[in-house]
Structure formats: C-alpha cells, structure tokens
Amino acid sequence: MYMKKYFLTLILCSLLVVGCSSDSSINNKQREGTHTSQTKSSDKTPAMWFFDEGTKTWKSSPDAPPCDDPFVFDQSPVNVSAVTSVLYPGQTRGNNYKAHGGFAFDNSQTNEIAVSLPLDAFLVEGSRYIESGEVQYLLDFVSDCGIAVRFDHLRILSDDVMKIIDDNFPEAKVNESRTTKVHPAVKFQAGDSIATSVGFIETKNVSFDFGVYDYRQRNEASKDPTFASEKGLFASQTFYGVCWFSMLPQADAQRIQSLPSRDVQMGTTSDYC
C-alpha cells in the first residue's frame, strides 16, 4: 500500500527535458529530467533531484541523505529462482544503447510474474503506451538518497499503482512512450507490489526491463572520453547506469550472475559489469 502521507512540493526545473528508452525502436524512451524525492524523516526538507545538462550531473536541493555503502536492495524485484536468463545493463542492443538490463522467464506458461519494489522509493514518473498491439507500462522510482530504478514492459499493474497511473497519465497511444510526471510523487515501501504480469501475450514474451541508476556519482564507463562522446546524448541514464547484479541480496546475486545472457549477440559484454 503506498503511503499518501509523504506529499512533496514539487519545484519546476528549467532544465527538464523529456525523452524515452526501451529495447524497442519506438521513441527510444530515454529522457533527461527532474526527479523529486523526500527524506525518510518528515521534519526534513524534501530533496529535489534534477539533471544539470551543462555538467552532466544529477544534483539535489537541498542535499540528499547518504545511502548505505555498499548499497544492497532490501529484496529482489522478482522471484529470482524463476528467472531463466538476464539482459546485461550497459550494452548496445539492436540500434540503441541500453543502460538498463532485464529479466526473462522462458519456463513460465503465463505472463503472470509478480514484480515488487526492491527499496523504499517514490514513484516519480512513467508512461503508458501501446507496442506490438499491447498496452505496456514504464515506471521510474527514486529513493531519498539518489538510487533510481526503472521498470519497463510491465503488462498489468497492481491496483495501487494503477490508480496513480489513471490519475496522472494520458490514455495509451501507439508508439507514444514519452514519460509523464506523477504529481505529487508517491512513496512506496520495499516489497510493495508493482505489477502482476509482464511482457507480451501475443509473442509469448515473458520478460521485463530493469535498470538501476546511481545519481550520486558518474559511473566508470562515462569517464572514458570515447564513451562520453558516443553515449552522452542521454547522459542522465548512460552516465549513471550501474551493474545492479551485486545490489541484489547475496544468494540472488549469485544466481543471476550464473545465468546466461538473453541477448545472444552481445552475451555478457557490458560497459558496467
């Protein structure tokens, strides 16, 4: 159950630029933008995360609280024992560079996969769109300390999340996946249900995208001039994407790293892992 007691006063940021990102070619669903989050203590001023295009850095105002270091999720977003292969973050797949990874469930007879939030975080934005004739959902969450997670290719959302989507998002359109802000951002807890079904029914694709971004610091790949030049268009993601395998609880992290890559062409090649 999301907690409505954490309402945020959102501050408009002139640096907001909206775009899109997905494994599909439609709209490239990548974006530059503003994320607003709130500290866990109600007596503290909420922190506003925004992307400074000039310096290619995420910033918060006022300063955000520190994250645990190393950062480990409270739980995995799915039942990892059911995962059959993974997409590695930090790869070129198809014609686009992907900062996110993903999970596949090739042994599942249905698309009914339970997806939960792995950390306490705010739902800040997302999109509802139609791809390959089916409605899909993309959701962005950001924690109070600056760890952001993105889910994409969710098919059926939990009732709590769906109500927020209906209150904030336009109706789904074909190949229109630009993100919409959630006003005000809504706090969820680790373990809260996010979705109950993923992927595509018609193509029997039981999988979804999962990306993690650490707004506190640029990743190592982005420090290479060639990478920075080639991948800088969507720096808010490509410069901050991380290899999230080790952020899962230990047993789940070990299993994920033992699984094959879902992308047979790229395999385990990754700029982040």
C-alpha atoms as a PDB file:
ATOM      1  CA  MET A   1       0.000   0.000   0.000  1.00  0.00           C
ATOM      2  CA  TYR A   2       1.543   3.300  -0.955  1.00  0.00           C
ATOM      3  CA  MET A   3       1.734   5.957   1.723  1.00  0.00           C
ATOM      4  CA  LYS A   4      -0.012   9.202   0.930  1.00  0.00           C
ATOM      5  CA  LYS A   5       1.379  10.954   3.984  1.00  0.00           C
ATOM      6  CA  TYR A   6       4.578  11.822   2.141  1.00  0.00           C
ATOM      7  CA  PHE A   7       3.410  14.553  -0.184  1.00  0.00           C
ATOM      8  CA  LEU A   8       6.002  16.618  -1.973  1.00  0.00           C
ATOM      9  CA  THR A   9       6.025  20.216  -3.007  1.00  0.00           C
ATOM     10  CA  LEU A  10       7.458  19.918  -6.486  1.00  0.00           C
ATOM     11  CA  ILE A  11       9.645  22.704  -7.809  1.00  0.00           C
ATOM     12  CA  LEU A  12       9.648  23.392 -11.520  1.00  0.00           C
ATOM     13  CA  CYS A  13      13.094  22.983 -13.005  1.00  0.00           C
ATOM     14  CA  SER A  14      14.053  24.810 -16.158  1.00  0.00           C
ATOM     15  CA  LEU A  15      16.478  22.024 -17.019  1.00  0.00           C
ATOM     16  CA  LEU A  16      13.689  19.498 -17.633  1.00  0.00           C
ATOM     17  CA  VAL A  17      13.962  17.701 -20.958  1.00  0.00           C
ATOM     18  CA  VAL A  18      11.737  14.704 -21.648  1.00  0.00           C
ATOM     19  CA  GLY A  19      12.638  11.729 -23.836  1.00  0.00           C
ATOM     20  CA  CYS A  20      12.220   7.878 -23.772  1.00  0.00           C
ATOM     21  CA  SER A  21      14.097   4.345 -23.535  1.00  0.00           C
ATOM     22  CA  SER A  22      13.254   0.749 -24.390  1.00  0.00           C
ATOM     23  CA  ASP A  23      14.537  -2.305 -26.166  1.00  0.00           C
ATOM     24  CA  SER A  24      12.092  -1.438 -28.952  1.00  0.00           C
ATOM     25  CA  SER A  25      12.886   1.191 -31.553  1.00  0.00           C
ATOM     26  CA  ILE A  26       9.815   3.281 -30.723  1.00  0.00           C
ATOM     27  CA  ASN A  27      10.640   6.726 -29.378  1.00  0.00           C
ATOM     28  CA  ASN A  28      13.868   5.382 -27.788  1.00  0.00           C
ATOM     29  CA  LYS A  29      12.128   6.059 -24.411  1.00  0.00           C
ATOM     30  CA  GLN A  30      15.193   7.783 -22.879  1.00  0.00           C
ATOM     31  CA  ARG A  31      14.896  11.069 -21.089  1.00  0.00           C
ATOM     32  CA  GLU A  32      16.679  13.848 -19.300  1.00  0.00           C
ATOM     33  CA  GLY A  33      14.671  15.228 -16.428  1.00  0.00           C
ATOM     34  CA  THR A  34      13.875  16.134 -12.874  1.00  0.00           C
ATOM     35  CA  HIS A  35      13.207  13.685 -10.085  1.00  0.00           C
ATOM     36  CA  THR A  36      11.885  14.851  -6.740  1.00  0.00           C
ATOM     37  CA  SER A  37      12.273  12.732  -3.618  1.00  0.00           C
ATOM     38  CA  GLN A  38      11.839  13.145   0.098  1.00  0.00           C
ATOM     39  CA  THR A  39      13.964  12.104   3.059  1.00  0.00           C
ATOM     40  CA  LYS A  40      12.525   9.471   5.388  1.00  0.00           C
ATOM     41  CA  SER A  41      12.332  11.939   8.266  1.00  0.00           C
ATOM     42  CA  SER A  42       9.213  14.058   7.959  1.00  0.00           C
ATOM     43  CA  ASP A  43      10.881  17.034   9.659  1.00  0.00           C
ATOM     44  CA  LYS A  44      13.419  17.435   6.862  1.00  0.00           C
ATOM     45  CA  THR A  45      13.008  19.489   3.728  1.00  0.00           C
ATOM     46  CA  PRO A  46      12.302  17.322   0.664  1.00  0.00           C
ATOM     47  CA  ALA A  47      15.194  16.948  -1.762  1.00  0.00           C
ATOM     48  CA  MET A  48      14.705  17.776  -5.438  1.00  0.00           C
ATOM     49  CA  TRP A  49      16.810  15.758  -7.881  1.00  0.00           C
ATOM     50  CA  PHE A  50      17.444  17.429 -11.202  1.00  0.00           C
ATOM     51  CA  PHE A  51      19.812  16.826 -14.077  1.00  0.00           C
ATOM     52  CA  ASP A  52      22.258  19.594 -14.942  1.00  0.00           C
ATOM     53  CA  GLU A  53      22.771  19.278 -18.684  1.00  0.00           C
ATOM     54  CA  GLY A  54      25.772  21.601 -18.640  1.00  0.00           C
ATOM     55  CA  THR A  55      27.791  19.490 -16.217  1.00  0.00           C
ATOM     56  CA  LYS A  56      26.066  16.165 -16.969  1.00  0.00           C
ATOM     57  CA  THR A  57      25.417  15.642 -13.273  1.00  0.00           C
ATOM     58  CA  TRP A  58      22.432  14.860 -11.092  1.00  0.00           C
ATOM     59  CA  LYS A  59      22.030  17.258  -8.201  1.00  0.00           C
ATOM     60  CA  SER A  60      19.711  17.530  -5.229  1.00  0.00           C
ATOM     61  CA  SER A  61      18.467  20.613  -3.461  1.00  0.00           C
ATOM     62  CA  PRO A  62      18.762  20.536  -0.502  1.00  0.00           C
ATOM     63  CA  ASP A  63      21.426  17.870  -0.039  1.00  0.00           C
ATOM     64  CA  ALA A  64      20.038  14.338  -0.004  1.00  0.00           C
ATOM     65  CA  PRO A  65      20.749  11.956   2.887  1.00  0.00           C
ATOM     66  CA  PRO A  66      23.539   9.378   2.389  1.00  0.00           C
ATOM     67  CA  CYS A  67      22.888   5.890   1.021  1.00  0.00           C
ATOM     68  CA  ASP A  68      24.254   2.727   2.578  1.00  0.00           C
ATOM     69  CA  ASP A  69      27.632   1.910   1.071  1.00  0.00           C
ATOM     70  CA  PRO A  70      27.801  -0.596  -0.480  1.00  0.00           C
ATOM     71  CA  PHE A  71      24.133  -0.311  -1.405  1.00  0.00           C
ATOM     72  CA  VAL A  72      22.107  -3.539  -1.360  1.00  0.00           C
ATOM     73  CA  PHE A  73      18.395  -3.764  -2.116  1.00  0.00           C
ATOM     74  CA  ASP A  74      16.084  -4.855   0.670  1.00  0.00           C
ATOM     75  CA  GLN A  75      14.873  -7.590  -1.669  1.00  0.00           C
ATOM     76  CA  SER A  76      14.956  -8.583  -5.320  1.00  0.00           C
ATOM     77  CA  PRO A  77      12.245  -7.208  -7.626  1.00  0.00           C
ATOM     78  CA  VAL A  78      11.199 -10.738  -8.676  1.00  0.00           C
ATOM     79  CA  ASN A  79      11.470 -14.367  -7.621  1.00  0.00           C
ATOM     80  CA  VAL A  80      14.970 -14.910  -8.965  1.00  0.00           C
ATOM     81  CA  SER A  81      14.602 -18.699  -8.903  1.00  0.00           C
ATOM     82  CA  ALA A  82      12.124 -18.365 -11.794  1.00  0.00           C
ATOM     83  CA  VAL A  83      14.468 -16.273 -13.966  1.00  0.00           C
ATOM     84  CA  THR A  84      15.997 -18.189 -16.890  1.00  0.00           C
ATOM     85  CA  SER A  85      18.200 -15.510 -18.468  1.00  0.00           C
ATOM     86  CA  VAL A  86      19.156 -11.876 -17.960  1.00  0.00           C
ATOM     87  CA  LEU A  87      19.865  -8.802 -20.037  1.00  0.00           C
ATOM     88  CA  TYR A  88      23.081  -7.093 -19.034  1.00  0.00           C
ATOM     89  CA  PRO A  89      22.961  -3.327 -18.461  1.00  0.00           C
ATOM     90  CA  GLY A  90      25.352  -1.173 -20.466  1.00  0.00           C
ATOM     91  CA  GLN A  91      25.009  -2.826 -23.891  1.00  0.00           C
ATOM     92  CA  THR A  92      24.134  -1.882 -27.447  1.00  0.00           C
ATOM     93  CA  ARG A  93      21.080  -3.953 -28.349  1.00  0.00           C
ATOM     94  CA  GLY A  94      19.548  -3.522 -31.745  1.00  0.00           C
ATOM     95  CA  ASN A  95      20.269   0.028 -32.876  1.00  0.00           C
ATOM     96  CA  ASN A  96      20.226   1.601 -29.409  1.00  0.00           C
ATOM     97  CA  TYR A  97      22.437   1.722 -26.359  1.00  0.00           C
ATOM     98  CA  LYS A  98      20.743   0.319 -23.244  1.00  0.00           C
ATOM     99  CA  ALA A  99      21.716   1.452 -19.774  1.00  0.00           C
ATOM    100  CA  HIS A 100      19.180  -0.995 -18.324  1.00  0.00           C
ATOM    101  CA  GLY A 101      19.147  -4.771 -18.079  1.00  0.00           C
ATOM    102  CA  GLY A 102      16.242  -7.146 -17.618  1.00  0.00           C
ATOM    103  CA  PHE A 103      14.813 -10.483 -16.541  1.00  0.00           C
ATOM    104  CA  ALA A 104      13.349 -13.289 -18.701  1.00  0.00           C
ATOM    105  CA  PHE A 105      11.138 -16.202 -17.644  1.00  0.00           C
ATOM    106  CA  ASP A 106      11.192 -18.626 -20.558  1.00  0.00           C
ATOM    107  CA  ASN A 107       9.851 -21.548 -18.496  1.00  0.00           C
ATOM    108  CA  SER A 108       6.737 -19.665 -17.432  1.00  0.00           C
ATOM    109  CA  GLN A 109       3.492 -20.867 -19.000  1.00  0.00           C
ATOM    110  CA  THR A 110       1.849 -17.470 -18.467  1.00  0.00           C
ATOM    111  CA  ASN A 111       2.863 -13.809 -18.286  1.00  0.00           C
ATOM    112  CA  GLU A 112       1.819 -13.664 -14.646  1.00  0.00           C
ATOM    113  CA  ILE A 113       5.034 -12.636 -12.922  1.00  0.00           C
ATOM    114  CA  ALA A 114       4.934 -10.804  -9.577  1.00  0.00           C
ATOM    115  CA  VAL A 115       7.085  -7.659  -9.573  1.00  0.00           C
ATOM    116  CA  SER A 116       7.853  -5.805  -6.338  1.00  0.00           C
ATOM    117  CA  LEU A 117       9.755  -2.679  -5.433  1.00  0.00           C
ATOM    118  CA  PRO A 118      13.242  -3.604  -4.121  1.00  0.00           C
ATOM    119  CA  LEU A 119      13.722  -0.465  -1.991  1.00  0.00           C
ATOM    120  CA  ASP A 120      11.832   2.381  -0.355  1.00  0.00           C
ATOM    121  CA  ALA A 121      11.301   4.928  -3.127  1.00  0.00           C
ATOM    122  CA  PHE A 122       8.960   7.450  -4.722  1.00  0.00           C
ATOM    123  CA  LEU A 123       7.073   6.842  -7.953  1.00  0.00           C
ATOM    124  CA  VAL A 124       8.067   9.983  -9.844  1.00  0.00           C
ATOM    125  CA  GLU A 125       7.134   9.379 -13.483  1.00  0.00           C
ATOM    126  CA  GLY A 126       6.397   6.840 -16.169  1.00  0.00           C
ATOM    127  CA  SER A 127       4.406   6.139 -19.300  1.00  0.00           C
ATOM    128  CA  ARG A 128       1.513   4.079 -20.637  1.00  0.00           C
ATOM    129  CA  TYR A 129       1.875   3.189 -24.302  1.00  0.00           C
ATOM    130  CA  ILE A 130       0.977   0.611 -26.947  1.00  0.00           C
ATOM    131  CA  GLU A 131       3.659  -1.550 -28.518  1.00  0.00           C
ATOM    132  CA  SER A 132       3.021  -4.512 -30.809  1.00  0.00           C
ATOM    133  CA  GLY A 133      -0.687  -4.056 -30.190  1.00  0.00           C
ATOM    134  CA  GLU A 134      -0.436  -4.403 -26.384  1.00  0.00           C
ATOM    135  CA  VAL A 135      -0.508  -1.826 -23.591  1.00  0.00           C
ATOM    136  CA  GLN A 136       2.800  -1.534 -21.742  1.00  0.00           C
ATOM    137  CA  TYR A 137       3.888   0.441 -18.683  1.00  0.00           C
ATOM    138  CA  LEU A 138       7.183   2.114 -17.814  1.00  0.00           C
ATOM    139  CA  LEU A 139       7.718   3.310 -14.213  1.00  0.00           C
ATOM    140  CA  ASP A 140      10.528   5.328 -12.602  1.00  0.00           C
ATOM    141  CA  PHE A 141      11.140   5.267  -8.853  1.00  0.00           C
ATOM    142  CA  VAL A 142      13.814   7.214  -6.945  1.00  0.00           C
ATOM    143  CA  SER A 143      14.932   6.709  -3.351  1.00  0.00           C
ATOM    144  CA  ASP A 144      15.539   9.520  -0.912  1.00  0.00           C
ATOM    145  CA  CYS A 145      19.317   9.146  -1.236  1.00  0.00           C
ATOM    146  CA  GLY A 146      19.504   9.067  -5.045  1.00  0.00           C
ATOM    147  CA  ILE A 147      19.200   5.445  -6.166  1.00  0.00           C
ATOM    148  CA  ALA A 148      16.716   5.254  -9.051  1.00  0.00           C
ATOM    149  CA  VAL A 149      15.109   2.153 -10.578  1.00  0.00           C
ATOM    150  CA  ARG A 150      13.232   1.838 -13.854  1.00  0.00           C
ATOM    151  CA  PHE A 151      10.772  -0.901 -14.817  1.00  0.00           C
ATOM    152  CA  ASP A 152       9.569  -1.267 -18.394  1.00  0.00           C
ATOM    153  CA  HIS A 153       7.349  -3.710 -20.260  1.00  0.00           C
ATOM    154  CA  LEU A 154       5.072  -4.225 -17.305  1.00  0.00           C
ATOM    155  CA  ARG A 155       1.730  -5.518 -18.553  1.00  0.00           C
ATOM    156  CA  ILE A 156      -0.700  -5.461 -15.605  1.00  0.00           C
ATOM    157  CA  LEU A 157      -0.024  -3.163 -12.658  1.00  0.00           C
ATOM    158  CA  SER A 158      -1.046  -3.624  -9.049  1.00  0.00           C
ATOM    159  CA  ASP A 159      -4.265  -1.862  -8.056  1.00  0.00           C
ATOM    160  CA  ASP A 160      -2.427   0.794  -6.024  1.00  0.00           C
ATOM    161  CA  VAL A 161      -0.092   1.695  -8.874  1.00  0.00           C
ATOM    162  CA  MET A 162      -2.859   1.555 -11.472  1.00  0.00           C
ATOM    163  CA  LYS A 163      -4.888   4.148  -9.593  1.00  0.00           C
ATOM    164  CA  ILE A 164      -1.936   6.534  -9.687  1.00  0.00           C
ATOM    165  CA  ILE A 165      -1.464   5.912 -13.402  1.00  0.00           C
ATOM    166  CA  ASP A 166      -5.133   6.579 -14.142  1.00  0.00           C
ATOM    167  CA  ASP A 167      -4.993   9.799 -12.123  1.00  0.00           C
ATOM    168  CA  ASN A 168      -1.844  11.113 -13.816  1.00  0.00           C
ATOM    169  CA  PHE A 169      -1.172   9.547 -17.217  1.00  0.00           C
ATOM    170  CA  PRO A 170      -2.898  10.055 -20.572  1.00  0.00           C
ATOM    171  CA  GLU A 171      -4.512   7.139 -22.355  1.00  0.00           C
ATOM    172  CA  ALA A 172      -2.136   4.790 -24.141  1.00  0.00           C
ATOM    173  CA  LYS A 173      -1.268   5.599 -27.748  1.00  0.00           C
ATOM    174  CA  VAL A 174       0.557   3.553 -30.346  1.00  0.00           C
ATOM    175  CA  ASN A 175       4.322   4.148 -30.257  1.00  0.00           C
ATOM    176  CA  GLU A 176       3.908   7.090 -27.842  1.00  0.00           C
ATOM    177  CA  SER A 177       6.025   6.378 -24.798  1.00  0.00           C
ATOM    178  CA  ARG A 178       7.070   9.805 -23.549  1.00  0.00           C
ATOM    179  CA  THR A 179       7.085   9.936 -19.786  1.00  0.00           C
ATOM    180  CA  THR A 180       4.643  11.876 -17.585  1.00  0.00           C
ATOM    181  CA  LYS A 181       5.333  13.195 -14.093  1.00  0.00           C
ATOM    182  CA  VAL A 182       3.411  11.945 -11.064  1.00  0.00           C
ATOM    183  CA  HIS A 183       2.144  14.978  -9.110  1.00  0.00           C
ATOM    184  CA  PRO A 184       2.788  14.693  -6.268  1.00  0.00           C
ATOM    185  CA  ALA A 185       5.299  11.845  -6.222  1.00  0.00           C
ATOM    186  CA  VAL A 186       4.041   8.917  -4.125  1.00  0.00           C
ATOM    187  CA  LYS A 187       6.061   6.979  -1.569  1.00  0.00           C
ATOM    188  CA  PHE A 188       6.207   3.184  -1.774  1.00  0.00           C
ATOM    189  CA  GLN A 189       7.939   0.724   0.524  1.00  0.00           C
ATOM    190  CA  ALA A 190      10.289  -2.129  -0.346  1.00  0.00           C
ATOM    191  CA  GLY A 191       8.170  -5.186  -1.060  1.00  0.00           C
ATOM    192  CA  ASP A 192       5.140  -3.287  -2.334  1.00  0.00           C
ATOM    193  CA  SER A 193       3.535  -4.924  -5.362  1.00  0.00           C
ATOM    194  CA  ILE A 194       4.239  -3.058  -8.609  1.00  0.00           C
ATOM    195  CA  ALA A 195       2.915  -5.438 -11.265  1.00  0.00           C
ATOM    196  CA  THR A 196       1.338  -8.873 -11.629  1.00  0.00           C
ATOM    197  CA  SER A 197       2.023  -9.527 -15.313  1.00  0.00           C
ATOM    198  CA  VAL A 198       4.866  -8.611 -17.684  1.00  0.00           C
ATOM    199  CA  GLY A 199       5.860  -8.711 -21.345  1.00  0.00           C
ATOM    200  CA  PHE A 200       3.696  -9.583 -24.345  1.00  0.00           C
ATOM    201  CA  ILE A 201       0.948 -12.175 -24.681  1.00  0.00           C
ATOM    202  CA  GLU A 202       0.823 -12.416 -28.470  1.00  0.00           C
ATOM    203  CA  THR A 203       4.538 -13.075 -28.931  1.00  0.00           C
ATOM    204  CA  LYS A 204       4.794 -15.197 -25.759  1.00  0.00           C
ATOM    205  CA  ASN A 205       7.497 -12.891 -24.443  1.00  0.00           C
ATOM    206  CA  VAL A 206       7.628 -13.222 -20.645  1.00  0.00           C
ATOM    207  CA  SER A 207      10.224 -10.645 -19.658  1.00  0.00           C
ATOM    208  CA  PHE A 208      10.647  -7.068 -18.481  1.00  0.00           C
ATOM    209  CA  ASP A 209      13.343  -4.407 -18.344  1.00  0.00           C
ATOM    210  CA  PHE A 210      15.020  -3.397 -15.097  1.00  0.00           C
ATOM    211  CA  GLY A 211      17.517  -0.549 -14.811  1.00  0.00           C
ATOM    212  CA  VAL A 212      19.297   0.991 -11.832  1.00  0.00           C
ATOM    213  CA  TYR A 213      20.892   4.452 -11.739  1.00  0.00           C
ATOM    214  CA  ASP A 214      23.087   5.913  -9.015  1.00  0.00           C
ATOM    215  CA  TYR A 215      22.590   9.681  -9.103  1.00  0.00           C
ATOM    216  CA  ARG A 216      25.332  10.268  -6.536  1.00  0.00           C
ATOM    217  CA  GLN A 217      28.211   9.776  -8.950  1.00  0.00           C
ATOM    218  CA  ARG A 218      29.028   9.095 -12.585  1.00  0.00           C
ATOM    219  CA  ASN A 219      29.872   5.516 -13.495  1.00  0.00           C
ATOM    220  CA  GLU A 220      33.368   4.487 -14.558  1.00  0.00           C
ATOM    221  CA  ALA A 221      32.387   3.978 -18.207  1.00  0.00           C
ATOM    222  CA  SER A 222      31.386   7.634 -18.550  1.00  0.00           C
ATOM    223  CA  LYS A 223      34.892   8.738 -17.589  1.00  0.00           C
ATOM    224  CA  ASP A 224      36.214   7.366 -20.872  1.00  0.00           C
ATOM    225  CA  PRO A 225      36.209  10.212 -23.434  1.00  0.00           C
ATOM    226  CA  THR A 226      35.084   7.955 -26.285  1.00  0.00           C
ATOM    227  CA  PHE A 227      32.165   6.555 -24.288  1.00  0.00           C
ATOM    228  CA  ALA A 228      31.220  10.027 -23.069  1.00  0.00           C
ATOM    229  CA  SER A 229      31.195  11.362 -26.601  1.00  0.00           C
ATOM    230  CA  GLU A 230      29.214   8.487 -28.118  1.00  0.00           C
ATOM    231  CA  LYS A 231      26.739   7.933 -25.266  1.00  0.00           C
ATOM    232  CA  GLY A 232      26.364  11.474 -23.945  1.00  0.00           C
ATOM    233  CA  LEU A 233      23.045  12.286 -25.616  1.00  0.00           C
ATOM    234  CA  PHE A 234      21.168  10.532 -22.815  1.00  0.00           C
ATOM    235  CA  ALA A 235      23.779  11.118 -20.133  1.00  0.00           C
ATOM    236  CA  SER A 236      21.227  11.214 -17.309  1.00  0.00           C
ATOM    237  CA  GLN A 237      20.948   7.451 -17.811  1.00  0.00           C
ATOM    238  CA  THR A 238      24.057   6.269 -19.638  1.00  0.00           C
ATOM    239  CA  PHE A 239      26.463   8.083 -17.306  1.00  0.00           C
ATOM    240  CA  TYR A 240      24.662   6.837 -14.190  1.00  0.00           C
ATOM    241  CA  GLY A 241      23.580   3.300 -15.057  1.00  0.00           C
ATOM    242  CA  VAL A 242      25.116   0.611 -12.859  1.00  0.00           C
ATOM    243  CA  CYS A 243      25.605  -3.147 -12.874  1.00  0.00           C
ATOM    244  CA  TRP A 244      22.854  -3.977 -10.404  1.00  0.00           C
ATOM    245  CA  PHE A 245      23.602  -7.695 -10.064  1.00  0.00           C
ATOM    246  CA  SER A 246      25.661  -7.199  -6.896  1.00  0.00           C
ATOM    247  CA  MET A 247      22.956  -4.944  -5.449  1.00  0.00           C
ATOM    248  CA  LEU A 248      20.605  -7.919  -5.090  1.00  0.00           C
ATOM    249  CA  PRO A 249      20.646  -9.972  -1.874  1.00  0.00           C
ATOM    250  CA  GLN A 250      23.675 -12.268  -1.926  1.00  0.00           C
ATOM    251  CA  ALA A 251      22.030 -15.562  -2.896  1.00  0.00           C
ATOM    252  CA  ASP A 252      20.013 -13.882  -5.672  1.00  0.00           C
ATOM    253  CA  ALA A 253      23.092 -12.048  -6.928  1.00  0.00           C
ATOM    254  CA  GLN A 254      24.987 -15.318  -7.242  1.00  0.00           C
ATOM    255  CA  ARG A 255      22.173 -16.960  -9.197  1.00  0.00           C
ATOM    256  CA  ILE A 256      21.719 -14.028 -11.574  1.00  0.00           C
ATOM    257  CA  GLN A 257      25.431 -13.956 -12.372  1.00  0.00           C
ATOM    258  CA  SER A 258      25.333 -17.683 -13.170  1.00  0.00           C
ATOM    259  CA  LEU A 259      22.526 -17.352 -15.730  1.00  0.00           C
ATOM    260  CA  PRO A 260      23.043 -16.964 -19.490  1.00  0.00           C
ATOM    261  CA  SER A 261      22.589 -13.668 -21.265  1.00  0.00           C
ATOM    262  CA  ARG A 262      19.269 -13.229 -23.049  1.00  0.00           C
ATOM    263  CA  ASP A 263      20.987 -11.300 -25.841  1.00  0.00           C
ATOM    264  CA  VAL A 264      22.923 -13.950 -27.757  1.00  0.00           C
ATOM    265  CA  GLN A 265      24.749 -11.371 -29.871  1.00  0.00           C
ATOM    266  CA  MET A 266      26.092  -9.217 -27.016  1.00  0.00           C
ATOM    267  CA  GLY A 267      26.306 -12.016 -24.475  1.00  0.00           C
ATOM    268  CA  THR A 268      27.813 -10.825 -21.193  1.00  0.00           C
ATOM    269  CA  THR A 269      29.619  -7.876 -22.766  1.00  0.00           C
ATOM    270  CA  SER A 270      28.829  -4.814 -20.655  1.00  0.00           C
ATOM    271  CA  ASP A 271      30.266  -1.379 -20.041  1.00  0.00           C
ATOM    272  CA  TYR A 272      29.002  -1.547 -16.447  1.00  0.00           C
ATOM    273  CA  CYS A 273      29.583  -5.138 -15.322  1.00  0.00           C
END
